[in-house]
Amino acid sequence: MVERDSGTTYVDRGGSGVGGVIIGIAVLALVAIVAFFLITQNRNDNLRTDAVTGAASSVSHAADNVGSAASKAADSASDAATPGK
């Protein structure tokens, strides 16, 4: 039987983990960018909704004014057409 002394065994753990840190930072930046775009899109949708709501409200008020004017004109025409007043 032969015994051999193979010497000291060194265990190499690999890299220092910088690659993992860089990948983690890149993923975090990607999540932040996606969140920013989603929040911005939501804000733009809310602004458009508010603008459409305001326009619809203006149209409603204008229609009310036209209706009131038409009613007054009809009353005036009715009064003018009635003899003896």
PDB file of N, CA and C in Angstrom:
ATOM      1  N   MET A   1       0.841  -1.157   0.000  1.00  0.00           N
ATOM      2  CA  MET A   1       0.000   0.000   0.000  1.00  0.00           C
ATOM      3  C   MET A   1       0.899   1.236   0.000  1.00  0.00           C
ATOM      4  N   VAL A   2       0.556   2.188  -0.893  1.00  0.00           N
ATOM      5  CA  VAL A   2       1.368   3.394  -1.030  1.00  0.00           C
ATOM      6  C   VAL A   2       0.527   4.576  -0.589  1.00  0.00           C
ATOM      7  N   GLU A   3       1.090   5.335   0.337  1.00  0.00           N
ATOM      8  CA  GLU A   3       0.393   6.554   0.757  1.00  0.00           C
ATOM      9  C   GLU A   3       1.105   7.740   0.142  1.00  0.00           C
ATOM     10  N   ARG A   4       0.313   8.588  -0.375  1.00  0.00           N
ATOM     11  CA  ARG A   4       0.903   9.783  -0.977  1.00  0.00           C
ATOM     12  C   ARG A   4       0.374  11.011  -0.259  1.00  0.00           C
ATOM     13  N   ASP A   5       1.212  11.934  -0.020  1.00  0.00           N
ATOM     14  CA  ASP A   5       0.802  13.204   0.572  1.00  0.00           C
ATOM     15  C   ASP A   5       0.517  14.161  -0.581  1.00  0.00           C
ATOM     16  N   SER A   6      -0.738  14.432  -0.770  1.00  0.00           N
ATOM     17  CA  SER A   6      -1.107  15.277  -1.906  1.00  0.00           C
ATOM     18  C   SER A   6      -0.948  16.746  -1.601  1.00  0.00           C
ATOM     19  N   GLY A   7      -0.589  17.094  -0.439  1.00  0.00           N
ATOM     20  CA  GLY A   7      -0.347  18.487  -0.097  1.00  0.00           C
ATOM     21  C   GLY A   7      -1.619  19.168   0.391  1.00  0.00           C
ATOM     22  N   THR A   8      -1.573  20.485   0.408  1.00  0.00           N
ATOM     23  CA  THR A   8      -2.703  21.283   0.892  1.00  0.00           C
ATOM     24  C   THR A   8      -3.743  21.429  -0.205  1.00  0.00           C
ATOM     25  N   THR A   9      -4.993  21.268   0.179  1.00  0.00           N
ATOM     26  CA  THR A   9      -6.099  21.413  -0.761  1.00  0.00           C
ATOM     27  C   THR A   9      -6.711  22.798  -0.570  1.00  0.00           C
ATOM     28  N   TYR A  10      -6.802  23.539  -1.648  1.00  0.00           N
ATOM     29  CA  TYR A  10      -7.425  24.859  -1.623  1.00  0.00           C
ATOM     30  C   TYR A  10      -8.797  24.769  -2.286  1.00  0.00           C
ATOM     31  N   VAL A  11      -9.780  25.392  -1.663  1.00  0.00           N
ATOM     32  CA  VAL A  11     -11.131  25.423  -2.223  1.00  0.00           C
ATOM     33  C   VAL A  11     -11.383  26.842  -2.728  1.00  0.00           C
ATOM     34  N   ASP A  12     -11.617  26.948  -4.031  1.00  0.00           N
ATOM     35  CA  ASP A  12     -11.864  28.249  -4.638  1.00  0.00           C
ATOM     36  C   ASP A  12     -13.373  28.484  -4.651  1.00  0.00           C
ATOM     37  N   ARG A  13     -13.793  29.554  -4.030  1.00  0.00           N
ATOM     38  CA  ARG A  13     -15.229  29.844  -3.945  1.00  0.00           C
ATOM     39  C   ARG A  13     -15.770  30.494  -5.214  1.00  0.00           C
ATOM     40  N   GLY A  14     -14.984  30.788  -6.151  1.00  0.00           N
ATOM     41  CA  GLY A  14     -15.453  31.433  -7.369  1.00  0.00           C
ATOM     42  C   GLY A  14     -15.212  32.921  -7.305  1.00  0.00           C
ATOM     43  N   GLY A  15     -16.052  33.668  -8.005  1.00  0.00           N
ATOM     44  CA  GLY A  15     -15.900  35.121  -8.078  1.00  0.00           C
ATOM     45  C   GLY A  15     -16.297  35.796  -6.782  1.00  0.00           C
ATOM     46  N   SER A  16     -16.146  37.097  -6.792  1.00  0.00           N
ATOM     47  CA  SER A  16     -16.461  37.864  -5.588  1.00  0.00           C
ATOM     48  C   SER A  16     -17.943  38.218  -5.501  1.00  0.00           C
ATOM     49  N   GLY A  17     -18.741  37.847  -6.470  1.00  0.00           N
ATOM     50  CA  GLY A  17     -20.171  38.126  -6.436  1.00  0.00           C
ATOM     51  C   GLY A  17     -20.548  39.461  -7.030  1.00  0.00           C
ATOM     52  N   VAL A  18     -19.615  40.124  -7.691  1.00  0.00           N
ATOM     53  CA  VAL A  18     -19.902  41.425  -8.290  1.00  0.00           C
ATOM     54  C   VAL A  18     -20.916  41.276  -9.420  1.00  0.00           C
ATOM     55  N   GLY A  19     -20.849  40.185 -10.153  1.00  0.00           N
ATOM     56  CA  GLY A  19     -21.806  39.964 -11.240  1.00  0.00           C
ATOM     57  C   GLY A  19     -23.231  39.889 -10.735  1.00  0.00           C
ATOM     58  N   GLY A  20     -23.424  39.216  -9.606  1.00  0.00           N
ATOM     59  CA  GLY A  20     -24.755  39.124  -9.008  1.00  0.00           C
ATOM     60  C   GLY A  20     -25.272  40.475  -8.551  1.00  0.00           C
ATOM     61  N   VAL A  21     -24.393  41.285  -7.996  1.00  0.00           N
ATOM     62  CA  VAL A  21     -24.781  42.618  -7.544  1.00  0.00           C
ATOM     63  C   VAL A  21     -25.179  43.483  -8.740  1.00  0.00           C
ATOM     64  N   ILE A  22     -24.415  43.389  -9.817  1.00  0.00           N
ATOM     65  CA  ILE A  22     -24.728  44.177 -11.020  1.00  0.00           C
ATOM     66  C   ILE A  22     -26.075  43.745 -11.599  1.00  0.00           C
ATOM     67  N   ILE A  23     -26.320  42.453 -11.639  1.00  0.00           N
ATOM     68  CA  ILE A  23     -27.610  41.970 -12.145  1.00  0.00           C
ATOM     69  C   ILE A  23     -28.742  42.441 -11.239  1.00  0.00           C
ATOM     70  N   GLY A  24     -28.533  42.408  -9.931  1.00  0.00           N
ATOM     71  CA  GLY A  24     -29.556  42.883  -8.991  1.00  0.00           C
ATOM     72  C   GLY A  24     -29.873  44.359  -9.188  1.00  0.00           C
ATOM     73  N   ILE A  25     -28.844  45.164  -9.378  1.00  0.00           N
ATOM     74  CA  ILE A  25     -29.051  46.603  -9.605  1.00  0.00           C
ATOM     75  C   ILE A  25     -29.783  46.833 -10.928  1.00  0.00           C
ATOM     76  N   ALA A  26     -29.425  46.058 -11.959  1.00  0.00           N
ATOM     77  CA  ALA A  26     -30.089  46.203 -13.260  1.00  0.00           C
ATOM     78  C   ALA A  26     -31.571  45.840 -13.152  1.00  0.00           C
ATOM     79  N   VAL A  27     -31.891  44.777 -12.430  1.00  0.00           N
ATOM     80  CA  VAL A  27     -33.296  44.377 -12.255  1.00  0.00           C
ATOM     81  C   VAL A  27     -34.052  45.442 -11.473  1.00  0.00           C
ATOM     82  N   LEU A  28     -33.431  45.973 -10.435  1.00  0.00           N
ATOM     83  CA  LEU A  28     -34.066  47.029  -9.644  1.00  0.00           C
ATOM     84  C   LEU A  28     -34.328  48.271 -10.490  1.00  0.00           C
ATOM     85  N   ALA A  29     -33.359  48.646 -11.329  1.00  0.00           N
ATOM     86  CA  ALA A  29     -33.543  49.804 -12.212  1.00  0.00           C
ATOM     87  C   ALA A  29     -34.661  49.542 -13.209  1.00  0.00           C
ATOM     88  N   LEU A  30     -34.740  48.339 -13.748  1.00  0.00           N
ATOM     89  CA  LEU A  30     -35.799  47.996 -14.692  1.00  0.00           C
ATOM     90  C   LEU A  30     -37.176  48.097 -14.039  1.00  0.00           C
ATOM     91  N   VAL A  31     -37.299  47.598 -12.820  1.00  0.00           N
ATOM     92  CA  VAL A  31     -38.575  47.686 -12.097  1.00  0.00           C
ATOM     93  C   VAL A  31     -38.941  49.148 -11.852  1.00  0.00           C
ATOM     94  N   ALA A  32     -37.975  49.978 -11.500  1.00  0.00           N
ATOM     95  CA  ALA A  32     -38.246  51.400 -11.262  1.00  0.00           C
ATOM     96  C   ALA A  32     -38.697  52.096 -12.540  1.00  0.00           C
ATOM     97  N   ILE A  33     -38.071  51.768 -13.666  1.00  0.00           N
ATOM     98  CA  ILE A  33     -38.452  52.381 -14.941  1.00  0.00           C
ATOM     99  C   ILE A  33     -39.863  51.969 -15.340  1.00  0.00           C
ATOM    100  N   VAL A  34     -40.185  50.698 -15.205  1.00  0.00           N
ATOM    101  CA  VAL A  34     -41.532  50.221 -15.548  1.00  0.00           C
ATOM    102  C   VAL A  34     -42.568  50.884 -14.645  1.00  0.00           C
ATOM    103  N   ALA A  35     -42.280  50.984 -13.354  1.00  0.00           N
ATOM    104  CA  ALA A  35     -43.216  51.635 -12.428  1.00  0.00           C
ATOM    105  C   ALA A  35     -43.421  53.096 -12.809  1.00  0.00           C
ATOM    106  N   PHE A  36     -42.354  53.793 -13.177  1.00  0.00           N
ATOM    107  CA  PHE A  36     -42.461  55.197 -13.583  1.00  0.00           C
ATOM    108  C   PHE A  36     -43.383  55.338 -14.788  1.00  0.00           C
ATOM    109  N   PHE A  37     -43.199  54.487 -15.809  1.00  0.00           N
ATOM    110  CA  PHE A  37     -44.040  54.590 -16.995  1.00  0.00           C
ATOM    111  C   PHE A  37     -45.493  54.258 -16.692  1.00  0.00           C
ATOM    112  N   LEU A  38     -45.740  53.276 -15.844  1.00  0.00           N
ATOM    113  CA  LEU A  38     -47.120  52.934 -15.496  1.00  0.00           C
ATOM    114  C   LEU A  38     -47.793  54.063 -14.726  1.00  0.00           C
ATOM    115  N   ILE A  39     -47.071  54.676 -13.800  1.00  0.00           N
ATOM    116  CA  ILE A  39     -47.639  55.794 -13.037  1.00  0.00           C
ATOM    117  C   ILE A  39     -47.905  56.983 -13.950  1.00  0.00           C
ATOM    118  N   THR A  40     -46.980  57.263 -14.860  1.00  0.00           N
ATOM    119  CA  THR A  40     -47.152  58.375 -15.799  1.00  0.00           C
ATOM    120  C   THR A  40     -48.341  58.130 -16.711  1.00  0.00           C
ATOM    121  N   GLN A  41     -48.489  56.909 -17.190  1.00  0.00           N
ATOM    122  CA  GLN A  41     -49.616  56.582 -18.063  1.00  0.00           C
ATOM    123  C   GLN A  41     -50.931  56.737 -17.310  1.00  0.00           C
ATOM    124  N   ASN A  42     -50.967  56.300 -16.061  1.00  0.00           N
ATOM    125  CA  ASN A  42     -52.179  56.422 -15.260  1.00  0.00           C
ATOM    126  C   ASN A  42     -52.524  57.889 -15.041  1.00  0.00           C
ATOM    127  N   ARG A  43     -51.503  58.715 -14.778  1.00  0.00           N
ATOM    128  CA  ARG A  43     -51.742  60.148 -14.575  1.00  0.00           C
ATOM    129  C   ARG A  43     -52.285  60.785 -15.855  1.00  0.00           C
ATOM    130  N   ASN A  44     -51.730  60.409 -17.013  1.00  0.00           N
ATOM    131  CA  ASN A  44     -52.198  60.949 -18.287  1.00  0.00           C
ATOM    132  C   ASN A  44     -53.641  60.528 -18.562  1.00  0.00           C
ATOM    133  N   ASP A  45     -53.976  59.279 -18.232  1.00  0.00           N
ATOM    134  CA  ASP A  45     -55.354  58.825 -18.407  1.00  0.00           C
ATOM    135  C   ASP A  45     -56.304  59.626 -17.533  1.00  0.00           C
ATOM    136  N   ASN A  46     -55.886  59.925 -16.299  1.00  0.00           N
ATOM    137  CA  ASN A  46     -56.723  60.720 -15.402  1.00  0.00           C
ATOM    138  C   ASN A  46     -56.900  62.137 -15.933  1.00  0.00           C
ATOM    139  N   LEU A  47     -55.844  62.721 -16.489  1.00  0.00           N
ATOM    140  CA  LEU A  47     -55.950  64.066 -17.049  1.00  0.00           C
ATOM    141  C   LEU A  47     -56.902  64.083 -18.239  1.00  0.00           C
ATOM    142  N   ARG A  48     -56.804  63.054 -19.102  1.00  0.00           N
ATOM    143  CA  ARG A  48     -57.716  62.978 -20.245  1.00  0.00           C
ATOM    144  C   ARG A  48     -59.153  62.811 -19.781  1.00  0.00           C
ATOM    145  N   THR A  49     -59.357  61.985 -18.772  1.00  0.00           N
ATOM    146  CA  THR A  49     -60.711  61.777 -18.242  1.00  0.00           C
ATOM    147  C   THR A  49     -61.270  63.071 -17.683  1.00  0.00           C
ATOM    148  N   ASP A  50     -60.449  63.804 -16.939  1.00  0.00           N
ATOM    149  CA  ASP A  50     -60.894  65.091 -16.391  1.00  0.00           C
ATOM    150  C   ASP A  50     -61.225  66.078 -17.507  1.00  0.00           C
ATOM    151  N   ALA A  51     -60.430  66.088 -18.572  1.00  0.00           N
ATOM    152  CA  ALA A  51     -60.676  67.003 -19.686  1.00  0.00           C
ATOM    153  C   ALA A  51     -61.990  66.658 -20.382  1.00  0.00           C
ATOM    154  N   VAL A  52     -62.235  65.386 -20.594  1.00  0.00           N
ATOM    155  CA  VAL A  52     -63.483  64.971 -21.252  1.00  0.00           C
ATOM    156  C   VAL A  52     -64.668  65.274 -20.358  1.00  0.00           C
ATOM    157  N   THR A  53     -64.514  65.054 -19.056  1.00  0.00           N
ATOM    158  CA  THR A  53     -65.601  65.361 -18.128  1.00  0.00           C
ATOM    159  C   THR A  53     -65.909  66.859 -18.129  1.00  0.00           C
ATOM    160  N   GLY A  54     -64.874  67.680 -18.141  1.00  0.00           N
ATOM    161  CA  GLY A  54     -65.074  69.132 -18.184  1.00  0.00           C
ATOM    162  C   GLY A  54     -65.749  69.578 -19.466  1.00  0.00           C
ATOM    163  N   ALA A  55     -65.348  68.978 -20.588  1.00  0.00           N
ATOM    164  CA  ALA A  55     -65.964  69.326 -21.868  1.00  0.00           C
ATOM    165  C   ALA A  55     -67.426  68.912 -21.884  1.00  0.00           C
ATOM    166  N   ALA A  56     -67.716  67.732 -21.365  1.00  0.00           N
ATOM    167  CA  ALA A  56     -69.111  67.265 -21.321  1.00  0.00           C
ATOM    168  C   ALA A  56     -69.955  68.167 -20.431  1.00  0.00           C
ATOM    169  N   SER A  57     -69.375  68.636 -19.343  1.00  0.00           N
ATOM    170  CA  SER A  57     -70.091  69.550 -18.456  1.00  0.00           C
ATOM    171  C   SER A  57     -70.375  70.871 -19.160  1.00  0.00           C
ATOM    172  N   SER A  58     -69.428  71.380 -19.924  1.00  0.00           N
ATOM    173  CA  SER A  58     -69.629  72.620 -20.676  1.00  0.00           C
ATOM    174  C   SER A  58     -70.724  72.457 -21.720  1.00  0.00           C
ATOM    175  N   VAL A  59     -70.720  71.329 -22.394  1.00  0.00           N
ATOM    176  CA  VAL A  59     -71.768  71.062 -23.389  1.00  0.00           C
ATOM    177  C   VAL A  59     -73.126  70.987 -22.713  1.00  0.00           C
ATOM    178  N   SER A  60     -73.171  70.377 -21.537  1.00  0.00           N
ATOM    179  CA  SER A  60     -74.436  70.275 -20.797  1.00  0.00           C
ATOM    180  C   SER A  60     -74.957  71.656 -20.415  1.00  0.00           C
ATOM    181  N   HIS A  61     -74.054  72.518 -19.916  1.00  0.00           N
ATOM    182  CA  HIS A  61     -74.480  73.875 -19.551  1.00  0.00           C
ATOM    183  C   HIS A  61     -74.929  74.661 -20.780  1.00  0.00           C
ATOM    184  N   ALA A  62     -74.241  74.494 -21.883  1.00  0.00           N
ATOM    185  CA  ALA A  62     -74.633  75.182 -23.110  1.00  0.00           C
ATOM    186  C   ALA A  62     -76.007  74.704 -23.578  1.00  0.00           C
ATOM    187  N   ALA A  63     -76.247  73.409 -23.488  1.00  0.00           N
ATOM    188  CA  ALA A  63     -77.562  72.876 -23.884  1.00  0.00           C
ATOM    189  C   ALA A  63     -78.655  73.415 -22.974  1.00  0.00           C
ATOM    190  N   ASP A  64     -78.367  73.543 -21.684  1.00  0.00           N
ATOM    191  CA  ASP A  64     -79.356  74.124 -20.761  1.00  0.00           C
ATOM    192  C   ASP A  64     -79.657  75.572 -21.140  1.00  0.00           C
ATOM    193  N   ASN A  65     -78.615  76.335 -21.490  1.00  0.00           N
ATOM    194  CA  ASN A  65     -78.812  77.731 -21.878  1.00  0.00           C
ATOM    195  C   ASN A  65     -79.631  77.840 -23.157  1.00  0.00           C
ATOM    196  N   VAL A  66     -79.346  76.963 -24.125  1.00  0.00           N
ATOM    197  CA  VAL A  66     -80.110  76.970 -25.377  1.00  0.00           C
ATOM    198  C   VAL A  66     -81.563  76.612 -25.108  1.00  0.00           C
ATOM    199  N   GLY A  67     -81.769  75.630 -24.229  1.00  0.00           N
ATOM    200  CA  GLY A  67     -83.139  75.241 -23.879  1.00  0.00           C
ATOM    201  C   GLY A  67     -83.897  76.378 -23.209  1.00  0.00           C
ATOM    202  N   SER A  68     -83.235  77.087 -22.311  1.00  0.00           N
ATOM    203  CA  SER A  68     -83.876  78.224 -21.632  1.00  0.00           C
ATOM    204  C   SER A  68     -84.194  79.337 -22.624  1.00  0.00           C
ATOM    205  N   ALA A  69     -83.256  79.611 -23.534  1.00  0.00           N
ATOM    206  CA  ALA A  69     -83.483  80.652 -24.534  1.00  0.00           C
ATOM    207  C   ALA A  69     -84.636  80.266 -25.457  1.00  0.00           C
ATOM    208  N   ALA A  70     -84.703  79.016 -25.850  1.00  0.00           N
ATOM    209  CA  ALA A  70     -85.794  78.561 -26.721  1.00  0.00           C
ATOM    210  C   ALA A  70     -87.133  78.662 -26.005  1.00  0.00           C
ATOM    211  N   SER A  71     -87.129  78.325 -24.724  1.00  0.00           N
ATOM    212  CA  SER A  71     -88.370  78.415 -23.944  1.00  0.00           C
ATOM    213  C   SER A  71     -88.832  79.865 -23.825  1.00  0.00           C
ATOM    214  N   LYS A  72     -87.888  80.783 -23.572  1.00  0.00           N
ATOM    215  CA  LYS A  72     -88.243  82.208 -23.484  1.00  0.00           C
ATOM    216  C   LYS A  72     -88.726  82.734 -24.831  1.00  0.00           C
ATOM    217  N   ALA A  73     -88.077  82.298 -25.905  1.00  0.00           N
ATOM    218  CA  ALA A  73     -88.505  82.736 -27.236  1.00  0.00           C
ATOM    219  C   ALA A  73     -89.897  82.220 -27.552  1.00  0.00           C
ATOM    220  N   ALA A  74     -90.175  80.989 -27.165  1.00  0.00           N
ATOM    221  CA  ALA A  74     -91.507  80.435 -27.404  1.00  0.00           C
ATOM    222  C   ALA A  74     -92.560  81.183 -26.595  1.00  0.00           C
ATOM    223  N   ASP A  75     -92.223  81.519 -25.347  1.00  0.00           N
ATOM    224  CA  ASP A  75     -93.163  82.281 -24.514  1.00  0.00           C
ATOM    225  C   ASP A  75     -93.420  83.664 -25.115  1.00  0.00           C
ATOM    226  N   SER A  76     -92.362  84.316 -25.607  1.00  0.00           N
ATOM    227  CA  SER A  76     -92.505  85.643 -26.209  1.00  0.00           C
ATOM    228  C   SER A  76     -93.345  85.566 -27.481  1.00  0.00           C
ATOM    229  N   ALA A  77     -93.105  84.538 -28.282  1.00  0.00           N
ATOM    230  CA  ALA A  77     -93.866  84.377 -29.516  1.00  0.00           C
ATOM    231  C   ALA A  77     -95.328  84.086 -29.198  1.00  0.00           C
ATOM    232  N   SER A  78     -95.555  83.321 -28.146  1.00  0.00           N
ATOM    233  CA  SER A  78     -96.924  82.991 -27.749  1.00  0.00           C
ATOM    234  C   SER A  78     -97.649  84.233 -27.261  1.00  0.00           C
ATOM    235  N   ASP A  79     -96.939  85.072 -26.490  1.00  0.00           N
ATOM    236  CA  ASP A  79     -97.544  86.303 -25.985  1.00  0.00           C
ATOM    237  C   ASP A  79     -97.846  87.269 -27.130  1.00  0.00           C
ATOM    238  N   ALA A  80     -96.957  87.327 -28.119  1.00  0.00           N
ATOM    239  CA  ALA A  80     -97.152  88.236 -29.243  1.00  0.00           C
ATOM    240  C   ALA A  80     -98.279  87.754 -30.139  1.00  0.00           C
ATOM    241  N   ALA A  81     -98.490  86.455 -30.230  1.00  0.00           N
ATOM    242  CA  ALA A  81     -99.516  85.899 -31.108  1.00  0.00           C
ATOM    243  C   ALA A  81    -100.893  85.947 -30.474  1.00  0.00           C
ATOM    244  N   THR A  82    -100.955  86.129 -29.179  1.00  0.00           N
ATOM    245  CA  THR A  82    -102.250  86.149 -28.502  1.00  0.00           C
ATOM    246  C   THR A  82    -102.834  87.558 -28.607  1.00  0.00           C
ATOM    247  N   PRO A  83    -103.988  87.689 -29.299  1.00  0.00           N
ATOM    248  CA  PRO A  83    -104.590  89.019 -29.409  1.00  0.00           C
ATOM    249  C   PRO A  83    -105.233  89.455 -28.088  1.00  0.00           C
ATOM    250  N   GLY A  84    -105.220  90.703 -27.831  1.00  0.00           N
ATOM    251  CA  GLY A  84    -105.890  91.250 -26.663  1.00  0.00           C
ATOM    252  C   GLY A  84    -105.001  91.359 -25.444  1.00  0.00           C
ATOM    253  N   LYS A  85    -103.786  91.106 -25.574  1.00  0.00           N
ATOM    254  CA  LYS A  85    -102.912  91.240 -24.412  1.00  0.00           C
ATOM    255  C   LYS A  85    -102.248  92.554 -24.409  1.00  0.00           C
TER     256      LYS A  85
END
